[in-house]
């Protein structure tokens, strides 16, 4: 796929066997997905795989219950990964509970 003029030249993909499985890693610039390098906080990108078997006409797809289409992002699947801000709340709650328990123990020892 040709790289657009705004494409980052350091976006090389890589493929290798890891643990007996073929693994691919791609670097994709925000601008290539959302059209700018500062997407909104809750922006979500779709993900789809369309692979063609080089030995025959079979096409394999992944990304939704129906085969994804190249130019229809709503047909792609979504991968939700937790962000730092979402994990910050549980960590803060555990910290508050720890300090309350510590203070109660200190008061009981006094």
PDB file of N, CA and C in Angstrom:
ATOM      1  N   UNK A   1       0.851  -1.176   0.000  1.00  0.00           N
ATOM      2  CA  UNK A   1       0.000   0.000   0.000  1.00  0.00           C
ATOM      3  C   UNK A   1       0.894   1.236   0.000  1.00  0.00           C
ATOM      4  N   UNK A   2       0.698   2.135  -0.931  1.00  0.00           N
ATOM      5  CA  UNK A   2       1.552   3.322  -0.978  1.00  0.00           C
ATOM      6  C   UNK A   2       1.321   4.225   0.232  1.00  0.00           C
ATOM      7  N   UNK A   3       2.387   4.842   0.675  1.00  0.00           N
ATOM      8  CA  UNK A   3       2.334   5.733   1.830  1.00  0.00           C
ATOM      9  C   UNK A   3       1.939   7.132   1.362  1.00  0.00           C
ATOM     10  N   UNK A   4       0.953   7.714   2.024  1.00  0.00           N
ATOM     11  CA  UNK A   4       0.506   9.067   1.682  1.00  0.00           C
ATOM     12  C   UNK A   4       1.603  10.073   2.021  1.00  0.00           C
ATOM     13  N   UNK A   5       1.512  11.293   1.488  1.00  0.00           N
ATOM     14  CA  UNK A   5       2.549  12.298   1.783  1.00  0.00           C
ATOM     15  C   UNK A   5       2.700  12.592   3.277  1.00  0.00           C
ATOM     16  N   UNK A   6       1.634  12.408   4.062  1.00  0.00           N
ATOM     17  CA  UNK A   6       1.712  12.680   5.501  1.00  0.00           C
ATOM     18  C   UNK A   6       2.212  11.480   6.284  1.00  0.00           C
ATOM     19  N   UNK A   7       2.479  10.396   5.599  1.00  0.00           N
ATOM     20  CA  UNK A   7       2.897   9.148   6.240  1.00  0.00           C
ATOM     21  C   UNK A   7       4.269   9.298   6.887  1.00  0.00           C
ATOM     22  N   UNK A   8       4.439   8.667   8.029  1.00  0.00           N
ATOM     23  CA  UNK A   8       5.724   8.675   8.726  1.00  0.00           C
ATOM     24  C   UNK A   8       6.579   7.539   8.187  1.00  0.00           C
ATOM     25  N   UNK A   9       7.759   7.841   7.705  1.00  0.00           N
ATOM     26  CA  UNK A   9       8.632   6.830   7.123  1.00  0.00           C
ATOM     27  C   UNK A   9       9.116   5.779   8.100  1.00  0.00           C
ATOM     28  N   UNK A  10       8.988   6.024   9.406  1.00  0.00           N
ATOM     29  CA  UNK A  10       9.441   5.061  10.415  1.00  0.00           C
ATOM     30  C   UNK A  10       8.356   4.047  10.763  1.00  0.00           C
ATOM     31  N   UNK A  11       7.299   3.978   9.983  1.00  0.00           N
ATOM     32  CA  UNK A  11       6.175   3.091  10.278  1.00  0.00           C
ATOM     33  C   UNK A  11       6.352   1.704   9.681  1.00  0.00           C
ATOM     34  N   UNK A  12       7.511   1.137   9.814  1.00  0.00           N
ATOM     35  CA  UNK A  12       7.762  -0.181   9.238  1.00  0.00           C
ATOM     36  C   UNK A  12       6.992  -1.253   9.997  1.00  0.00           C
ATOM     37  N   UNK A  13       6.450  -2.224   9.263  1.00  0.00           N
ATOM     38  CA  UNK A  13       5.805  -3.372   9.875  1.00  0.00           C
ATOM     39  C   UNK A  13       6.805  -4.502   9.986  1.00  0.00           C
ATOM     40  N   UNK A  14       6.512  -5.463  10.847  1.00  0.00           N
ATOM     41  CA  UNK A  14       7.424  -6.593  11.023  1.00  0.00           C
ATOM     42  C   UNK A  14       6.618  -7.863  11.230  1.00  0.00           C
ATOM     43  N   UNK A  15       7.136  -8.973  10.749  1.00  0.00           N
ATOM     44  CA  UNK A  15       6.501 -10.269  10.944  1.00  0.00           C
ATOM     45  C   UNK A  15       7.539 -11.290  11.357  1.00  0.00           C
ATOM     46  N   UNK A  16       7.162 -12.196  12.270  1.00  0.00           N
ATOM     47  CA  UNK A  16       8.094 -13.222  12.735  1.00  0.00           C
ATOM     48  C   UNK A  16       7.309 -14.340  13.405  1.00  0.00           C
ATOM     49  N   UNK A  17       7.942 -15.491  13.564  1.00  0.00           N
ATOM     50  CA  UNK A  17       7.338 -16.580  14.317  1.00  0.00           C
ATOM     51  C   UNK A  17       7.717 -16.413  15.783  1.00  0.00           C
ATOM     52  N   UNK A  18       6.714 -16.383  16.657  1.00  0.00           N
ATOM     53  CA  UNK A  18       6.923 -16.277  18.095  1.00  0.00           C
ATOM     54  C   UNK A  18       6.111 -17.369  18.768  1.00  0.00           C
ATOM     55  N   UNK A  19       6.774 -18.266  19.459  1.00  0.00           N
ATOM     56  CA  UNK A  19       6.063 -19.354  20.130  1.00  0.00           C
ATOM     57  C   UNK A  19       5.323 -20.249  19.156  1.00  0.00           C
ATOM     58  N   UNK A  20       5.842 -20.403  17.946  1.00  0.00           N
ATOM     59  CA  UNK A  20       5.204 -21.252  16.947  1.00  0.00           C
ATOM     60  C   UNK A  20       4.066 -20.598  16.184  1.00  0.00           C
ATOM     61  N   UNK A  21       3.828 -19.303  16.415  1.00  0.00           N
ATOM     62  CA  UNK A  21       2.751 -18.577  15.734  1.00  0.00           C
ATOM     63  C   UNK A  21       3.335 -17.417  14.941  1.00  0.00           C
ATOM     64  N   UNK A  22       2.763 -17.161  13.791  1.00  0.00           N
ATOM     65  CA  UNK A  22       3.164 -16.001  12.992  1.00  0.00           C
ATOM     66  C   UNK A  22       2.604 -14.750  13.660  1.00  0.00           C
ATOM     67  N   UNK A  23       3.460 -13.799  13.951  1.00  0.00           N
ATOM     68  CA  UNK A  23       3.057 -12.570  14.626  1.00  0.00           C
ATOM     69  C   UNK A  23       3.463 -11.384  13.755  1.00  0.00           C
ATOM     70  N   UNK A  24       2.540 -10.449  13.560  1.00  0.00           N
ATOM     71  CA  UNK A  24       2.813  -9.240  12.789  1.00  0.00           C
ATOM     72  C   UNK A  24       2.650  -8.031  13.698  1.00  0.00           C
ATOM     73  N   UNK A  25       3.498  -7.042  13.514  1.00  0.00           N
ATOM     74  CA  UNK A  25       3.394  -5.806  14.272  1.00  0.00           C
ATOM     75  C   UNK A  25       3.464  -4.643  13.294  1.00  0.00           C
ATOM     76  N   UNK A  26       2.537  -3.711  13.448  1.00  0.00           N
ATOM     77  CA  UNK A  26       2.471  -2.558  12.557  1.00  0.00           C
ATOM     78  C   UNK A  26       2.494  -1.280  13.375  1.00  0.00           C
ATOM     79  N   UNK A  27       3.144  -0.265  12.859  1.00  0.00           N
ATOM     80  CA  UNK A  27       3.121   1.060  13.465  1.00  0.00           C
ATOM     81  C   UNK A  27       2.300   1.944  12.535  1.00  0.00           C
ATOM     82  N   UNK A  28       1.259   2.545  13.075  1.00  0.00           N
ATOM     83  CA  UNK A  28       0.384   3.388  12.265  1.00  0.00           C
ATOM     84  C   UNK A  28       0.256   4.743  12.950  1.00  0.00           C
ATOM     85  N   UNK A  29       0.584   5.774  12.236  1.00  0.00           N
ATOM     86  CA  UNK A  29       0.524   7.130  12.778  1.00  0.00           C
ATOM     87  C   UNK A  29      -0.933   7.552  12.972  1.00  0.00           C
ATOM     88  N   UNK A  30      -1.208   8.323  14.044  1.00  0.00           N
ATOM     89  CA  UNK A  30      -2.552   8.836  14.290  1.00  0.00           C
ATOM     90  C   UNK A  30      -3.114   9.527  13.058  1.00  0.00           C
ATOM     91  N   UNK A  31      -2.285  10.307  12.375  1.00  0.00           N
ATOM     92  CA  UNK A  31      -2.723  11.062  11.203  1.00  0.00           C
ATOM     93  C   UNK A  31      -3.267  10.147  10.110  1.00  0.00           C
ATOM     94  N   UNK A  32      -2.702   8.950   9.987  1.00  0.00           N
ATOM     95  CA  UNK A  32      -3.170   8.011   8.969  1.00  0.00           C
ATOM     96  C   UNK A  32      -4.536   7.430   9.314  1.00  0.00           C
ATOM     97  N   UNK A  33      -4.917   7.488  10.584  1.00  0.00           N
ATOM     98  CA  UNK A  33      -6.193   6.932  11.025  1.00  0.00           C
ATOM     99  C   UNK A  33      -7.269   7.999  11.153  1.00  0.00           C
ATOM    100  N   UNK A  34      -6.960   9.093  11.855  1.00  0.00           N
ATOM    101  CA  UNK A  34      -7.961  10.120  12.139  1.00  0.00           C
ATOM    102  C   UNK A  34      -7.790  11.398  11.337  1.00  0.00           C
ATOM    103  N   UNK A  35      -6.713  11.513  10.560  1.00  0.00           N
ATOM    104  CA  UNK A  35      -6.510  12.712   9.768  1.00  0.00           C
ATOM    105  C   UNK A  35      -5.779  13.816  10.499  1.00  0.00           C
ATOM    106  N   UNK A  36      -5.402  13.590  11.771  1.00  0.00           N
ATOM    107  CA  UNK A  36      -4.575  14.541  12.518  1.00  0.00           C
ATOM    108  C   UNK A  36      -3.799  13.766  13.580  1.00  0.00           C
ATOM    109  N   UNK A  37      -2.810  14.411  14.169  1.00  0.00           N
ATOM    110  CA  UNK A  37      -1.973  13.739  15.162  1.00  0.00           C
ATOM    111  C   UNK A  37      -2.454  13.927  16.593  1.00  0.00           C
ATOM    112  N   UNK A  38      -3.621  14.556  16.776  1.00  0.00           N
ATOM    113  CA  UNK A  38      -4.165  14.757  18.121  1.00  0.00           C
ATOM    114  C   UNK A  38      -5.639  14.353  18.145  1.00  0.00           C
ATOM    115  N   UNK A  39      -5.922  13.040  18.119  1.00  0.00           N
ATOM    116  CA  UNK A  39      -7.321  12.604  18.154  1.00  0.00           C
ATOM    117  C   UNK A  39      -7.950  12.910  19.511  1.00  0.00           C
ATOM    118  N   UNK A  40      -9.275  12.940  19.562  1.00  0.00           N
ATOM    119  CA  UNK A  40      -9.969  13.204  20.816  1.00  0.00           C
ATOM    120  C   UNK A  40      -9.702  12.078  21.809  1.00  0.00           C
ATOM    121  N   UNK A  41      -9.952  12.349  23.079  1.00  0.00           N
ATOM    122  CA  UNK A  41      -9.675  11.402  24.159  1.00  0.00           C
ATOM    123  C   UNK A  41     -10.358  10.057  23.930  1.00  0.00           C
ATOM    124  N   UNK A  42     -11.599  10.069  23.463  1.00  0.00           N
ATOM    125  CA  UNK A  42     -12.363   8.827  23.314  1.00  0.00           C
ATOM    126  C   UNK A  42     -12.401   8.315  21.875  1.00  0.00           C
ATOM    127  N   UNK A  43     -11.492   8.753  21.031  1.00  0.00           N
ATOM    128  CA  UNK A  43     -11.452   8.289  19.640  1.00  0.00           C
ATOM    129  C   UNK A  43     -11.152   6.793  19.613  1.00  0.00           C
ATOM    130  N   UNK A  44     -11.838   6.077  18.745  1.00  0.00           N
ATOM    131  CA  UNK A  44     -11.656   4.630  18.650  1.00  0.00           C
ATOM    132  C   UNK A  44     -11.439   4.262  17.193  1.00  0.00           C
ATOM    133  N   UNK A  45     -10.417   3.490  16.942  1.00  0.00           N
ATOM    134  CA  UNK A  45     -10.097   3.085  15.575  1.00  0.00           C
ATOM    135  C   UNK A  45     -10.570   1.664  15.335  1.00  0.00           C
ATOM    136  N   UNK A  46     -10.969   1.387  14.116  1.00  0.00           N
ATOM    137  CA  UNK A  46     -11.351   0.029  13.752  1.00  0.00           C
ATOM    138  C   UNK A  46     -10.136  -0.781  13.346  1.00  0.00           C
ATOM    139  N   UNK A  47     -10.300  -2.090  13.321  1.00  0.00           N
ATOM    140  CA  UNK A  47      -9.200  -2.974  12.972  1.00  0.00           C
ATOM    141  C   UNK A  47      -9.775  -4.121  12.173  1.00  0.00           C
ATOM    142  N   UNK A  48      -9.194  -4.395  11.027  1.00  0.00           N
ATOM    143  CA  UNK A  48      -9.657  -5.508  10.197  1.00  0.00           C
ATOM    144  C   UNK A  48      -8.468  -6.148   9.502  1.00  0.00           C
ATOM    145  N   UNK A  49      -8.607  -7.426   9.223  1.00  0.00           N
ATOM    146  CA  UNK A  49      -7.578  -8.145   8.477  1.00  0.00           C
ATOM    147  C   UNK A  49      -8.236  -8.756   7.250  1.00  0.00           C
ATOM    148  N   UNK A  50      -7.668  -8.490   6.097  1.00  0.00           N
ATOM    149  CA  UNK A  50      -8.105  -9.120   4.855  1.00  0.00           C
ATOM    150  C   UNK A  50      -6.849  -9.704   4.231  1.00  0.00           C
ATOM    151  N   UNK A  51      -6.755 -11.028   4.213  1.00  0.00           N
ATOM    152  CA  UNK A  51      -5.552 -11.701   3.710  1.00  0.00           C
ATOM    153  C   UNK A  51      -5.928 -12.623   2.563  1.00  0.00           C
ATOM    154  N   UNK A  52      -5.094 -12.665   1.541  1.00  0.00           N
ATOM    155  CA  UNK A  52      -5.321 -13.523   0.384  1.00  0.00           C
ATOM    156  C   UNK A  52      -4.267 -14.612   0.353  1.00  0.00           C
ATOM    157  N   UNK A  53      -4.717 -15.844   0.170  1.00  0.00           N
ATOM    158  CA  UNK A  53      -3.803 -16.980   0.063  1.00  0.00           C
ATOM    159  C   UNK A  53      -3.104 -16.900  -1.286  1.00  0.00           C
ATOM    160  N   UNK A  54      -1.781 -16.834  -1.275  1.00  0.00           N
ATOM    161  CA  UNK A  54      -1.017 -16.684  -2.513  1.00  0.00           C
ATOM    162  C   UNK A  54      -1.103 -17.917  -3.402  1.00  0.00           C
ATOM    163  N   UNK A  55      -1.489 -19.073  -2.851  1.00  0.00           N
ATOM    164  CA  UNK A  55      -1.554 -20.303  -3.647  1.00  0.00           C
ATOM    165  C   UNK A  55      -2.930 -20.542  -4.250  1.00  0.00           C
ATOM    166  N   UNK A  56      -3.892 -19.702  -3.926  1.00  0.00           N
ATOM    167  CA  UNK A  56      -5.237 -19.902  -4.463  1.00  0.00           C
ATOM    168  C   UNK A  56      -6.085 -18.658  -4.312  1.00  0.00           C
ATOM    169  N   UNK A  57      -7.338 -18.731  -4.716  1.00  0.00           N
ATOM    170  CA  UNK A  57      -8.203 -17.554  -4.691  1.00  0.00           C
ATOM    171  C   UNK A  57      -8.856 -17.287  -3.331  1.00  0.00           C
ATOM    172  N   UNK A  58      -8.513 -18.044  -2.288  1.00  0.00           N
ATOM    173  CA  UNK A  58      -9.172 -17.895  -0.994  1.00  0.00           C
ATOM    174  C   UNK A  58      -8.766 -16.594  -0.310  1.00  0.00           C
ATOM    175  N   UNK A  59      -9.761 -15.874   0.218  1.00  0.00           N
ATOM    176  CA  UNK A  59      -9.526 -14.658   0.989  1.00  0.00           C
ATOM    177  C   UNK A  59     -10.012 -14.900   2.407  1.00  0.00           C
ATOM    178  N   UNK A  60      -9.175 -14.582   3.378  1.00  0.00           N
ATOM    179  CA  UNK A  60      -9.523 -14.736   4.786  1.00  0.00           C
ATOM    180  C   UNK A  60      -9.751 -13.357   5.381  1.00  0.00           C
ATOM    181  N   UNK A  61     -10.775 -13.233   6.220  1.00  0.00           N
ATOM    182  CA  UNK A  61     -11.072 -11.942   6.836  1.00  0.00           C
ATOM    183  C   UNK A  61     -11.243 -12.105   8.336  1.00  0.00           C
ATOM    184  N   UNK A  62     -10.968 -11.051   9.059  1.00  0.00           N
ATOM    185  CA  UNK A  62     -11.217 -10.973  10.496  1.00  0.00           C
ATOM    186  C   UNK A  62     -11.509  -9.534  10.832  1.00  0.00           C
ATOM    187  N   UNK A  63     -12.398  -9.315  11.779  1.00  0.00           N
ATOM    188  CA  UNK A  63     -12.669  -7.950  12.194  1.00  0.00           C
ATOM    189  C   UNK A  63     -14.104  -7.696  12.578  1.00  0.00           C
ATOM    190  N   UNK A  64     -15.016  -8.618  12.235  1.00  0.00           N
ATOM    191  CA  UNK A  64     -16.415  -8.457  12.615  1.00  0.00           C
ATOM    192  C   UNK A  64     -17.148  -9.748  12.290  1.00  0.00           C
ATOM    193  N   UNK A  65     -18.455  -9.784  12.570  1.00  0.00           N
ATOM    194  CA  UNK A  65     -19.232 -10.981  12.264  1.00  0.00           C
ATOM    195  C   UNK A  65     -19.419 -11.154  10.766  1.00  0.00           C
ATOM    196  N   UNK A  66     -19.393 -10.067  10.027  1.00  0.00           N
ATOM    197  CA  UNK A  66     -19.458 -10.111   8.566  1.00  0.00           C
ATOM    198  C   UNK A  66     -18.072  -9.766   8.030  1.00  0.00           C
ATOM    199  N   UNK A  67     -17.745 -10.221   6.834  1.00  0.00           N
ATOM    200  CA  UNK A  67     -16.430  -9.852   6.292  1.00  0.00           C
ATOM    201  C   UNK A  67     -16.269  -8.338   6.227  1.00  0.00           C
ATOM    202  N   UNK A  68     -15.159  -7.809   6.741  1.00  0.00           N
ATOM    203  CA  UNK A  68     -14.938  -6.361   6.692  1.00  0.00           C
ATOM    204  C   UNK A  68     -14.695  -5.889   5.268  1.00  0.00           C
ATOM    205  N   UNK A  69     -15.065  -4.636   5.013  1.00  0.00           N
ATOM    206  CA  UNK A  69     -14.833  -4.030   3.704  1.00  0.00           C
ATOM    207  C   UNK A  69     -13.781  -2.936   3.861  1.00  0.00           C
ATOM    208  N   UNK A  70     -12.863  -2.858   2.915  1.00  0.00           N
ATOM    209  CA  UNK A  70     -11.743  -1.916   2.993  1.00  0.00           C
ATOM    210  C   UNK A  70     -12.152  -0.490   3.340  1.00  0.00           C
ATOM    211  N   UNK A  71     -13.138   0.042   2.663  1.00  0.00           N
ATOM    212  CA  UNK A  71     -13.468   1.457   2.793  1.00  0.00           C
ATOM    213  C   UNK A  71     -14.681   1.727   3.669  1.00  0.00           C
ATOM    214  N   UNK A  72     -15.102   0.742   4.476  1.00  0.00           N
ATOM    215  CA  UNK A  72     -16.255   0.913   5.360  1.00  0.00           C
ATOM    216  C   UNK A  72     -15.807   0.626   6.798  1.00  0.00           C
ATOM    217  N   UNK A  73     -15.281   1.636   7.497  1.00  0.00           N
ATOM    218  CA  UNK A  73     -14.758   1.412   8.847  1.00  0.00           C
ATOM    219  C   UNK A  73     -15.766   0.809   9.822  1.00  0.00           C
ATOM    220  N   UNK A  74     -17.072   1.076   9.641  1.00  0.00           N
ATOM    221  CA  UNK A  74     -18.066   0.499  10.544  1.00  0.00           C
ATOM    222  C   UNK A  74     -18.142  -1.017  10.436  1.00  0.00           C
ATOM    223  N   UNK A  75     -17.572  -1.595   9.381  1.00  0.00           N
ATOM    224  CA  UNK A  75     -17.584  -3.054   9.240  1.00  0.00           C
ATOM    225  C   UNK A  75     -16.384  -3.692   9.945  1.00  0.00           C
ATOM    226  N   UNK A  76     -15.489  -2.870  10.483  1.00  0.00           N
ATOM    227  CA  UNK A  76     -14.293  -3.382  11.141  1.00  0.00           C
ATOM    228  C   UNK A  76     -14.578  -3.657  12.608  1.00  0.00           C
ATOM    229  N   UNK A  77     -13.774  -4.528  13.208  1.00  0.00           N
ATOM    230  CA  UNK A  77     -13.876  -4.788  14.642  1.00  0.00           C
ATOM    231  C   UNK A  77     -13.156  -3.703  15.426  1.00  0.00           C
ATOM    232  N   UNK A  78     -13.384  -3.669  16.718  1.00  0.00           N
ATOM    233  CA  UNK A  78     -12.708  -2.707  17.584  1.00  0.00           C
ATOM    234  C   UNK A  78     -11.964  -3.458  18.680  1.00  0.00           C
ATOM    235  N   UNK A  79     -10.791  -3.011  18.997  1.00  0.00           N
ATOM    236  CA  UNK A  79     -10.010  -3.573  20.088  1.00  0.00           C
ATOM    237  C   UNK A  79      -9.943  -2.499  21.164  1.00  0.00           C
ATOM    238  N   UNK A  80     -10.567  -2.773  22.301  1.00  0.00           N
ATOM    239  CA  UNK A  80     -10.562  -1.814  23.400  1.00  0.00           C
ATOM    240  C   UNK A  80      -9.446  -2.168  24.371  1.00  0.00           C
ATOM    241  N   UNK A  81      -8.495  -1.282  24.510  1.00  0.00           N
ATOM    242  CA  UNK A  81      -7.388  -1.479  25.447  1.00  0.00           C
ATOM    243  C   UNK A  81      -7.516  -0.442  26.551  1.00  0.00           C
ATOM    244  N   UNK A  82      -7.329  -0.855  27.814  1.00  0.00           N
ATOM    245  CA  UNK A  82      -7.466   0.116  28.903  1.00  0.00           C
ATOM    246  C   UNK A  82      -6.388   1.187  28.821  1.00  0.00           C
ATOM    247  N   UNK A  83      -6.788   2.379  29.105  1.00  0.00           N
ATOM    248  CA  UNK A  83      -5.855   3.499  29.116  1.00  0.00           C
ATOM    249  C   UNK A  83      -5.456   3.796  30.557  1.00  0.00           C
ATOM    250  N   UNK A  84      -4.392   4.555  30.724  1.00  0.00           N
ATOM    251  CA  UNK A  84      -3.882   4.867  32.055  1.00  0.00           C
ATOM    252  C   UNK A  84      -4.945   5.511  32.929  1.00  0.00           C
ATOM    253  N   UNK A  85      -5.708   6.450  32.387  1.00  0.00           N
ATOM    254  CA  UNK A  85      -6.701   7.156  33.195  1.00  0.00           C
ATOM    255  C   UNK A  85      -7.784   6.220  33.715  1.00  0.00           C
ATOM    256  N   UNK A  86      -8.098   5.164  32.990  1.00  0.00           N
ATOM    257  CA  UNK A  86      -9.125   4.230  33.442  1.00  0.00           C
ATOM    258  C   UNK A  86      -8.631   3.364  34.592  1.00  0.00           C
ATOM    259  N   UNK A  87      -7.362   3.103  34.685  1.00  0.00           N
ATOM    260  CA  UNK A  87      -6.822   2.285  35.759  1.00  0.00           C
ATOM    261  C   UNK A  87      -6.442   3.139  36.966  1.00  0.00           C
ATOM    262  N   UNK A  88      -6.364   4.435  36.784  1.00  0.00           N
ATOM    263  CA  UNK A  88      -5.983   5.332  37.862  1.00  0.00           C
ATOM    264  C   UNK A  88      -7.014   5.328  38.990  1.00  0.00           C
ATOM    265  N   UNK A  89      -8.297   5.244  38.686  1.00  0.00           N
ATOM    266  CA  UNK A  89      -9.345   5.259  39.711  1.00  0.00           C
ATOM    267  C   UNK A  89      -9.221   4.062  40.654  1.00  0.00           C
ATOM    268  N   UNK A  90      -9.129   2.808  40.161  1.00  0.00           N
ATOM    269  CA  UNK A  90      -8.974   1.690  41.101  1.00  0.00           C
ATOM    270  C   UNK A  90      -7.699   1.790  41.944  1.00  0.00           C
ATOM    271  N   UNK A  91      -6.620   2.269  41.360  1.00  0.00           N
ATOM    272  CA  UNK A  91      -5.376   2.419  42.123  1.00  0.00           C
ATOM    273  C   UNK A  91      -5.563   3.460  43.225  1.00  0.00           C
ATOM    274  N   UNK A  92      -6.233   4.559  42.927  1.00  0.00           N
ATOM    275  CA  UNK A  92      -6.476   5.594  43.927  1.00  0.00           C
ATOM    276  C   UNK A  92      -7.363   5.068  45.052  1.00  0.00           C
ATOM    277  N   UNK A  93      -8.389   4.284  44.727  1.00  0.00           N
ATOM    278  CA  UNK A  93      -9.283   3.715  45.745  1.00  0.00           C
ATOM    279  C   UNK A  93      -8.504   2.792  46.673  1.00  0.00           C
ATOM    280  N   UNK A  94      -7.670   1.925  46.119  1.00  0.00           N
ATOM    281  CA  UNK A  94      -6.854   1.024  46.939  1.00  0.00           C
ATOM    282  C   UNK A  94      -5.922   1.834  47.835  1.00  0.00           C
ATOM    283  N   UNK A  95      -5.330   2.894  47.320  1.00  0.00           N
ATOM    284  CA  UNK A  95      -4.455   3.743  48.124  1.00  0.00           C
ATOM    285  C   UNK A  95      -5.186   4.387  49.286  1.00  0.00           C
ATOM    286  N   UNK A  96      -6.388   4.898  49.051  1.00  0.00           N
ATOM    287  CA  UNK A  96      -7.183   5.524  50.114  1.00  0.00           C
ATOM    288  C   UNK A  96      -7.534   4.487  51.180  1.00  0.00           C
ATOM    289  N   UNK A  97      -7.959   3.299  50.778  1.00  0.00           N
ATOM    290  CA  UNK A  97      -8.293   2.234  51.734  1.00  0.00           C
ATOM    291  C   UNK A  97      -7.068   1.877  52.576  1.00  0.00           C
ATOM    292  N   UNK A  98      -5.916   1.790  51.962  1.00  0.00           N
ATOM    293  CA  UNK A  98      -4.681   1.466  52.682  1.00  0.00           C
ATOM    294  C   UNK A  98      -4.384   2.520  53.751  1.00  0.00           C
ATOM    295  N   UNK A  99      -4.458   3.791  53.381  1.00  0.00           N
ATOM    296  CA  UNK A  99      -4.141   4.842  54.346  1.00  0.00           C
ATOM    297  C   UNK A  99      -5.171   4.922  55.470  1.00  0.00           C
ATOM    298  N   UNK A 100      -6.447   4.670  55.188  1.00  0.00           N
ATOM    299  CA  UNK A 100      -7.469   4.646  56.242  1.00  0.00           C
ATOM    300  C   UNK A 100      -7.192   3.497  57.207  1.00  0.00           C
ATOM    301  N   UNK A 101      -6.898   2.311  56.679  1.00  0.00           N
ATOM    302  CA  UNK A 101      -6.606   1.155  57.532  1.00  0.00           C
ATOM    303  C   UNK A 101      -5.354   1.405  58.364  1.00  0.00           C
ATOM    304  N   UNK A 102      -4.349   2.001  57.779  1.00  0.00           N
ATOM    305  CA  UNK A 102      -3.104   2.297  58.500  1.00  0.00           C
ATOM    306  C   UNK A 102      -3.358   3.280  59.640  1.00  0.00           C
ATOM    307  N   UNK A 103      -4.184   4.290  59.368  1.00  0.00           N
ATOM    308  CA  UNK A 103      -4.494   5.286  60.398  1.00  0.00           C
ATOM    309  C   UNK A 103      -5.281   4.657  61.539  1.00  0.00           C
ATOM    310  N   UNK A 104      -6.227   3.770  61.218  1.00  0.00           N
ATOM    311  CA  UNK A 104      -7.009   3.101  62.265  1.00  0.00           C
ATOM    312  C   UNK A 104      -6.109   2.233  63.139  1.00  0.00           C
ATOM    313  N   UNK A 105      -5.174   1.505  62.529  1.00  0.00           N
ATOM    314  CA  UNK A 105      -4.248   0.678  63.310  1.00  0.00           C
ATOM    315  C   UNK A 105      -3.386   1.544  64.221  1.00  0.00           C
ATOM    316  N   UNK A 106      -2.950   2.672  63.705  1.00  0.00           N
ATOM    317  CA  UNK A 106      -2.118   3.574  64.503  1.00  0.00           C
ATOM    318  C   UNK A 106      -2.918   4.136  65.673  1.00  0.00           C
ATOM    319  N   UNK A 107      -4.214   4.479  65.435  1.00  0.00           N
ATOM    320  CA  UNK A 107      -5.068   4.991  66.507  1.00  0.00           C
ATOM    321  C   UNK A 107      -5.316   3.919  67.566  1.00  0.00           C
ATOM    322  N   UNK A 108      -5.474   2.656  67.149  1.00  0.00           N
ATOM    323  CA  UNK A 108      -5.701   1.565  68.099  1.00  0.00           C
ATOM    324  C   UNK A 108      -4.461   1.312  68.948  1.00  0.00           C
ATOM    325  N   UNK A 109      -3.284   1.493  68.371  1.00  0.00           N
ATOM    326  CA  UNK A 109      -2.037   1.268  69.100  1.00  0.00           C
ATOM    327  C   UNK A 109      -1.750   2.390  70.098  1.00  0.00           C
ATOM    328  N   UNK A 110      -2.369   3.544  69.934  1.00  0.00           N
ATOM    329  CA  UNK A 110      -2.102   4.700  70.808  1.00  0.00           C
ATOM    330  C   UNK A 110      -2.788   4.583  72.138  1.00  0.00           C
TER     331      UNK A 110
END
